[in-house]
Amino acid sequence: PRDSQADDIEPGDEAPVASYADRKGYMEDFLGDGFEVPMPIVDEMADDVLEIEGTDDNVLRYHHFSVVMSESRRMCFFSAVNIDGAKSKKSARVSWKWDPRIPRGNQIKDECYGTSPKFSRGHMTRREDPGWGRTLKDARRGNEDSMHVTNATPQIQAFNSPIWLALEDYALEHAREDDMRISVFTGPYFDDDDPERYGVRIPLGFWKVIAFIHDETGELCATGYEMSQEDSLPPEDEFVFGQFVSPHLNVATQVSIADIAQRSGLDFGALVDADPLAHEEAVAGPRAPLMDVGEIRFL
């Protein structure tokens, strides 16, 4: 979930607020055929949602994705993106930037970010995800919008998983071949015991929910996953000696969306019942990590 290079924010003035007026953000009817997939609702921590002036829903809308911010943590509760795999186009990476629609004091610039042993800015919506459209200019706008600091959370430099990064691509293969569309929600778990580093409380766990129309059943399908950087995070006193690299990297776990909802405090609505794990009997002990994308259950 991260893009580790070029963490510096480009100096200079922000874009004017008015330039964001045409951003439509995440679209709940994106999957088509009458299926609507609303964004999660911040339920248990609703009082902590940052108010966005000029909106009635406190959503920051970008090109093909949206973000809902936590006021106390100065990070997003989640980022929600629509992905059209058939129109994806590669674009050059740009520098990180502020979002001028909210005060800088509600965004994290560089307290905890920088070269090791500090953290990387980890994308919630991947840089490639909103980078699609009929034209290269259209795709470039989505790519560049993903580089707002509102779409980032602190992640250990070595925290990177081929499986985690491959989940969306694998889901696209199971979406309808004629549309190749999926909607993805990604965010951190905000836990009471999250450690503080450099004046910032660092989330240890991350979750992802992918929704699409299954190519075999023609029905809405949604799957949930989570990862943790807890085993990669060194004790606070080790930060002065350099980066600790954990052997417990490169694993993700498929979990029920109901479990993600309970831990995150978000309401995922009908996606809970669209999950193939929804009606499974509880299993004893933790679910085994995914060692290959072929182990993911879509039915």
Protein backbone atom coordinates (compact mmCIF):
# COMPACT_ATOMS: atom_id res chain seq x y z
CA PRO A 1 0.00 0.00 0.00
CA ARG A 2 2.92 2.39 -0.23
CA ASP A 3 5.06 4.20 -2.74
CA SER A 4 8.34 4.66 -0.92
CA GLN A 5 10.32 7.05 -3.09
CA ALA A 6 10.50 10.87 -3.27
CA ASP A 7 8.84 11.66 0.03
CA ASP A 8 9.54 15.41 -0.04
CA ILE A 9 6.65 17.80 -0.53
CA GLU A 10 7.33 20.13 -3.40
CA PRO A 11 7.76 23.73 -2.22
CA GLY A 12 5.49 26.46 -3.46
CA ASP A 13 1.90 27.54 -3.23
CA GLU A 14 -0.99 25.09 -3.22
CA ALA A 15 -3.47 24.91 -6.04
CA PRO A 16 -6.45 27.22 -5.48
CA VAL A 17 -9.44 25.65 -3.78
CA ALA A 18 -11.59 26.52 -6.81
CA SER A 19 -9.50 24.20 -8.99
CA TYR A 20 -11.01 21.20 -7.16
CA ALA A 21 -14.59 22.13 -8.02
CA ASP A 22 -14.83 19.60 -10.85
CA ARG A 23 -13.58 16.64 -8.81
CA LYS A 24 -16.44 14.12 -8.64
CA GLY A 25 -14.68 11.69 -6.35
CA TYR A 26 -15.79 8.14 -5.67
CA MET A 27 -19.00 7.10 -7.48
CA GLU A 28 -21.22 4.54 -5.77
CA ASP A 29 -22.92 3.44 -9.02
CA PHE A 30 -19.61 2.82 -10.78
CA LEU A 31 -20.01 -0.97 -11.09
CA GLY A 32 -23.18 -0.61 -13.18
CA ASP A 33 -26.18 -2.91 -13.71
CA GLY A 34 -28.06 -1.22 -10.90
CA PHE A 35 -25.51 -2.14 -8.23
CA GLU A 36 -24.72 0.67 -5.83
CA VAL A 37 -21.77 0.47 -3.46
CA PRO A 38 -21.78 3.44 -1.05
CA MET A 39 -18.65 4.47 0.79
CA PRO A 40 -18.28 3.16 4.34
CA ILE A 41 -19.83 5.28 7.06
CA VAL A 42 -17.70 6.35 10.00
CA ASP A 43 -19.93 5.04 12.76
CA GLU A 44 -18.31 4.71 16.17
CA MET A 45 -15.96 7.67 15.68
CA ALA A 46 -18.34 9.98 13.82
CA ASP A 47 -17.48 12.89 16.13
CA ASP A 48 -13.88 12.67 14.94
CA VAL A 49 -14.65 13.18 11.24
CA LEU A 50 -12.95 16.38 10.07
CA GLU A 51 -15.45 18.97 8.86
CA ILE A 52 -14.85 20.06 5.28
CA GLU A 53 -16.07 23.58 4.59
CA GLY A 54 -18.48 23.82 1.68
CA THR A 55 -19.62 20.19 1.89
CA ASP A 56 -22.56 18.55 3.58
CA ASP A 57 -20.88 15.14 3.96
CA ASN A 58 -17.28 16.05 4.94
CA VAL A 59 -15.78 14.16 1.99
CA LEU A 60 -12.65 15.29 0.14
CA ARG A 61 -13.30 14.48 -3.52
CA TYR A 62 -10.49 13.84 -5.97
CA HIS A 63 -10.34 12.42 -9.49
CA HIS A 64 -11.87 8.91 -9.28
CA PHE A 65 -11.46 8.66 -5.48
CA SER A 66 -12.53 10.24 -2.19
CA VAL A 67 -11.10 10.55 1.31
CA VAL A 68 -12.68 10.98 4.76
CA MET A 69 -10.33 12.47 7.35
CA SER A 70 -9.87 11.91 11.08
CA GLU A 71 -9.44 15.18 12.94
CA SER A 72 -7.58 13.71 15.92
CA ARG A 73 -5.20 11.50 13.91
CA ARG A 74 -4.73 13.91 10.96
CA MET A 75 -4.96 10.97 8.56
CA CYS A 76 -7.78 9.45 6.57
CA PHE A 77 -10.26 7.03 8.07
CA PHE A 78 -10.31 5.53 4.59
CA SER A 79 -9.78 6.25 0.92
CA ALA A 80 -12.34 5.00 -1.62
CA VAL A 81 -11.50 4.58 -5.31
CA ASN A 82 -13.15 3.42 -8.53
CA ILE A 83 -10.82 1.51 -10.86
CA ASP A 84 -11.44 0.88 -14.56
CA GLY A 85 -8.78 -1.65 -15.50
CA ALA A 86 -9.58 -1.44 -19.21
CA LYS A 87 -8.72 2.30 -19.29
CA SER A 88 -5.67 2.29 -17.02
CA LYS A 89 -2.74 4.37 -18.24
CA LYS A 90 0.71 4.88 -16.73
CA SER A 91 1.78 8.38 -15.73
CA ALA A 92 4.91 9.87 -14.25
CA ARG A 93 5.11 10.28 -10.48
CA VAL A 94 4.84 13.81 -9.03
CA SER A 95 5.73 15.20 -5.61
CA TRP A 96 3.50 15.03 -2.55
CA LYS A 97 1.31 18.06 -1.88
CA TRP A 98 -1.03 19.60 0.65
CA ASP A 99 -4.78 19.75 0.14
CA PRO A 100 -5.72 23.46 0.31
CA ARG A 101 -9.33 22.71 1.23
CA ILE A 102 -8.43 21.86 4.82
CA PRO A 103 -6.02 23.55 7.25
CA ARG A 104 -2.42 22.38 7.13
CA GLY A 105 -2.70 21.70 10.85
CA ASN A 106 -5.08 18.84 10.01
CA GLN A 107 -2.54 17.21 7.69
CA ILE A 108 0.76 15.49 8.45
CA LYS A 109 3.64 16.95 6.47
CA ASP A 110 6.96 15.75 7.78
CA GLU A 111 6.91 15.12 11.55
CA CYS A 112 7.28 11.37 11.12
CA TYR A 113 8.20 11.17 7.42
CA GLY A 114 11.66 11.05 5.93
CA THR A 115 14.63 8.78 5.38
CA SER A 116 15.11 5.74 7.61
CA PRO A 117 14.53 5.34 10.50
CA LYS A 118 11.56 7.65 9.85
CA PHE A 119 8.49 6.46 7.96
CA SER A 120 7.42 6.50 4.32
CA ARG A 121 4.18 8.07 3.18
CA GLY A 122 2.11 5.01 2.40
CA HIS A 123 -0.62 5.46 -0.19
CA MET A 124 -4.07 4.31 0.84
CA THR A 125 -5.46 4.61 -2.69
CA ARG A 126 -2.55 3.35 -4.77
CA ARG A 127 -1.05 5.85 -7.18
CA GLU A 128 -1.98 3.64 -10.14
CA ASP A 129 -5.61 3.14 -9.08
CA PRO A 130 -7.23 6.44 -10.16
CA GLY A 131 -4.84 6.74 -13.11
CA TRP A 132 -7.31 5.79 -15.79
CA GLY A 133 -9.49 7.52 -18.35
CA ARG A 134 -10.18 7.96 -22.04
CA THR A 135 -7.17 10.24 -22.43
CA LEU A 136 -3.70 10.40 -20.93
CA LYS A 137 -4.55 13.82 -19.48
CA ASP A 138 -7.54 12.33 -17.68
CA ALA A 139 -5.45 9.48 -16.27
CA ARG A 140 -2.66 11.85 -15.25
CA ARG A 141 -5.05 13.88 -13.10
CA GLY A 142 -6.01 10.81 -11.06
CA ASN A 143 -2.37 9.86 -10.64
CA GLU A 144 -1.43 13.34 -9.46
CA ASP A 145 -4.41 13.61 -7.10
CA SER A 146 -3.26 10.44 -5.32
CA MET A 147 -0.17 12.37 -4.19
CA HIS A 148 -2.05 14.48 -1.64
CA VAL A 149 -0.83 13.87 1.92
CA THR A 150 -4.45 13.25 2.91
CA ASN A 151 -4.14 9.93 1.04
CA ALA A 152 -1.12 8.77 3.06
CA THR A 153 -0.37 7.13 6.40
CA PRO A 154 3.00 6.41 8.06
CA GLN A 155 4.47 3.05 7.10
CA ILE A 156 7.80 1.41 7.83
CA GLN A 157 10.17 1.72 4.87
CA ALA A 158 10.38 -2.07 4.41
CA PHE A 159 6.63 -2.61 4.76
CA ASN A 160 5.71 -3.82 1.31
CA SER A 161 3.90 -6.95 0.17
CA PRO A 162 3.62 -8.41 -3.32
CA ILE A 163 0.40 -10.11 -2.25
CA TRP A 164 -1.12 -6.91 -0.85
CA LEU A 165 -0.24 -5.00 -4.00
CA ALA A 166 -1.51 -7.83 -6.21
CA LEU A 167 -4.94 -8.08 -4.58
CA GLU A 168 -6.59 -5.43 -6.73
CA ASP A 169 -5.11 -6.80 -9.95
CA TYR A 170 -6.28 -10.28 -9.03
CA ALA A 171 -9.77 -9.02 -8.27
CA LEU A 172 -9.89 -7.29 -11.66
CA GLU A 173 -9.32 -10.67 -13.28
CA HIS A 174 -12.45 -11.92 -11.52
CA ALA A 175 -14.55 -8.91 -12.46
CA ARG A 176 -16.66 -8.91 -15.62
CA GLU A 177 -14.33 -9.07 -18.59
CA ASP A 178 -16.32 -6.50 -20.56
CA ASP A 179 -16.05 -3.80 -17.89
CA MET A 180 -13.05 -4.75 -15.68
CA ARG A 181 -14.27 -2.43 -12.94
CA ILE A 182 -13.78 -2.65 -9.19
CA SER A 183 -14.27 -0.33 -6.22
CA VAL A 184 -11.69 -0.41 -3.45
CA PHE A 185 -11.68 0.93 0.11
CA THR A 186 -8.43 1.09 2.08
CA GLY A 187 -7.58 2.50 5.47
CA PRO A 188 -5.69 2.16 8.74
CA TYR A 189 -6.99 0.71 11.97
CA PHE A 190 -6.98 3.40 14.65
CA ASP A 191 -6.39 1.52 17.89
CA ASP A 192 -6.15 3.01 21.38
CA ASP A 193 -2.72 1.46 21.94
CA ASP A 194 -1.11 2.66 18.70
CA PRO A 195 2.45 3.77 19.53
CA GLU A 196 3.63 7.35 19.19
CA ARG A 197 6.69 8.15 17.10
CA TYR A 198 7.95 11.66 16.33
CA GLY A 199 4.80 13.14 17.84
CA VAL A 200 2.47 11.08 15.62
CA ARG A 201 0.43 8.05 16.66
CA ILE A 202 1.35 5.33 14.16
CA PRO A 203 -1.34 2.89 12.98
CA LEU A 204 -0.11 -0.69 13.11
CA GLY A 205 -2.84 -2.39 11.10
CA PHE A 206 -4.31 -1.72 7.67
CA TRP A 207 -7.36 -3.08 5.90
CA LYS A 208 -8.63 -3.29 2.33
CA VAL A 209 -12.09 -4.12 0.94
CA ILE A 210 -12.59 -4.85 -2.77
CA ALA A 211 -16.04 -4.85 -4.41
CA PHE A 212 -16.87 -6.01 -7.94
CA ILE A 213 -19.41 -7.90 -10.02
CA HIS A 214 -18.37 -11.55 -10.16
CA ASP A 215 -17.88 -12.77 -13.73
CA GLU A 216 -19.50 -16.15 -13.03
CA THR A 217 -22.43 -15.29 -10.76
CA GLY A 218 -23.18 -11.79 -12.04
CA GLU A 219 -23.70 -10.77 -8.42
CA LEU A 220 -22.00 -8.23 -6.22
CA CYS A 221 -18.98 -9.73 -4.48
CA ALA A 222 -16.80 -8.13 -1.82
CA THR A 223 -13.69 -9.43 -0.09
CA GLY A 224 -11.71 -8.09 2.85
CA TYR A 225 -8.04 -8.23 3.79
CA GLU A 226 -5.78 -6.90 6.50
CA MET A 227 -2.08 -6.52 7.16
CA SER A 228 -0.01 -5.41 10.13
CA GLN A 229 3.32 -3.63 10.41
CA GLU A 230 3.51 -4.35 14.13
CA ASP A 231 6.23 -6.98 13.73
CA SER A 232 8.21 -4.55 11.59
CA LEU A 233 8.05 -1.65 14.04
CA PRO A 234 11.15 -1.50 16.27
CA PRO A 235 10.96 -0.53 19.93
CA GLU A 236 11.17 3.21 20.41
CA ASP A 237 14.73 3.07 21.70
CA GLU A 238 15.90 1.27 18.55
CA PHE A 239 15.04 4.23 16.35
CA VAL A 240 18.34 5.88 17.21
CA PHE A 241 20.35 2.92 15.90
CA GLY A 242 18.75 2.51 12.48
CA GLN A 243 16.11 0.59 10.63
CA PHE A 244 14.91 -2.75 11.91
CA VAL A 245 13.86 -5.23 9.21
CA SER A 246 11.39 -7.87 10.32
CA PRO A 247 11.29 -11.39 8.84
CA HIS A 248 7.50 -11.31 9.13
CA LEU A 249 6.81 -9.26 5.99
CA ASN A 250 4.99 -10.01 2.76
CA VAL A 251 1.85 -11.58 4.21
CA ALA A 252 -1.77 -10.50 4.05
CA THR A 253 -4.80 -12.21 5.51
CA GLN A 254 -8.25 -12.57 4.00
CA VAL A 255 -10.74 -11.71 6.72
CA SER A 256 -14.46 -11.13 6.81
CA ILE A 257 -15.70 -7.62 6.13
CA ALA A 258 -17.75 -7.93 9.31
CA ASP A 259 -14.48 -8.31 11.25
CA ILE A 260 -13.02 -5.25 9.54
CA ALA A 261 -16.16 -3.28 10.37
CA GLN A 262 -16.00 -4.24 14.02
CA ARG A 263 -12.36 -3.31 14.45
CA SER A 264 -12.40 -0.15 12.30
CA GLY A 265 -15.68 1.24 13.59
CA LEU A 266 -16.93 1.67 10.01
CA ASP A 267 -20.27 0.59 8.57
CA PHE A 268 -19.85 -1.23 5.24
CA GLY A 269 -23.56 -1.77 4.67
CA ALA A 270 -24.51 -4.47 2.16
CA LEU A 271 -20.89 -5.39 1.49
CA VAL A 272 -20.89 -7.46 4.68
CA ASP A 273 -23.42 -9.88 3.15
CA ALA A 274 -21.69 -9.83 -0.26
CA ASP A 275 -18.58 -11.32 1.35
CA PRO A 276 -17.98 -15.06 0.67
CA LEU A 277 -16.82 -15.37 4.29
CA ALA A 278 -20.00 -13.79 5.68
CA HIS A 279 -21.87 -17.00 6.41
CA GLU A 280 -18.90 -19.14 7.29
CA GLU A 281 -18.85 -20.74 10.71
CA ALA A 282 -16.28 -19.18 13.03
CA VAL A 283 -12.92 -20.90 12.93
CA ALA A 284 -10.72 -21.43 15.94
CA GLY A 285 -7.60 -19.30 16.06
CA PRO A 286 -6.36 -16.70 13.60
CA ARG A 287 -6.90 -17.18 9.88
CA ALA A 288 -3.77 -18.28 8.01
CA PRO A 289 -1.90 -15.61 6.01
CA LEU A 290 -2.24 -15.59 2.24
CA MET A 291 0.97 -16.84 0.68
CA ASP A 292 -0.39 -16.67 -2.87
CA VAL A 293 -3.26 -14.75 -4.48
CA GLY A 294 -4.69 -18.07 -5.65
CA GLU A 295 -5.71 -18.74 -2.04
CA ILE A 296 -8.22 -15.85 -2.08
CA ARG A 297 -11.84 -16.94 -1.83
CA PHE A 298 -14.35 -15.18 -4.09
CA LEU A 299 -17.15 -17.74 -3.74
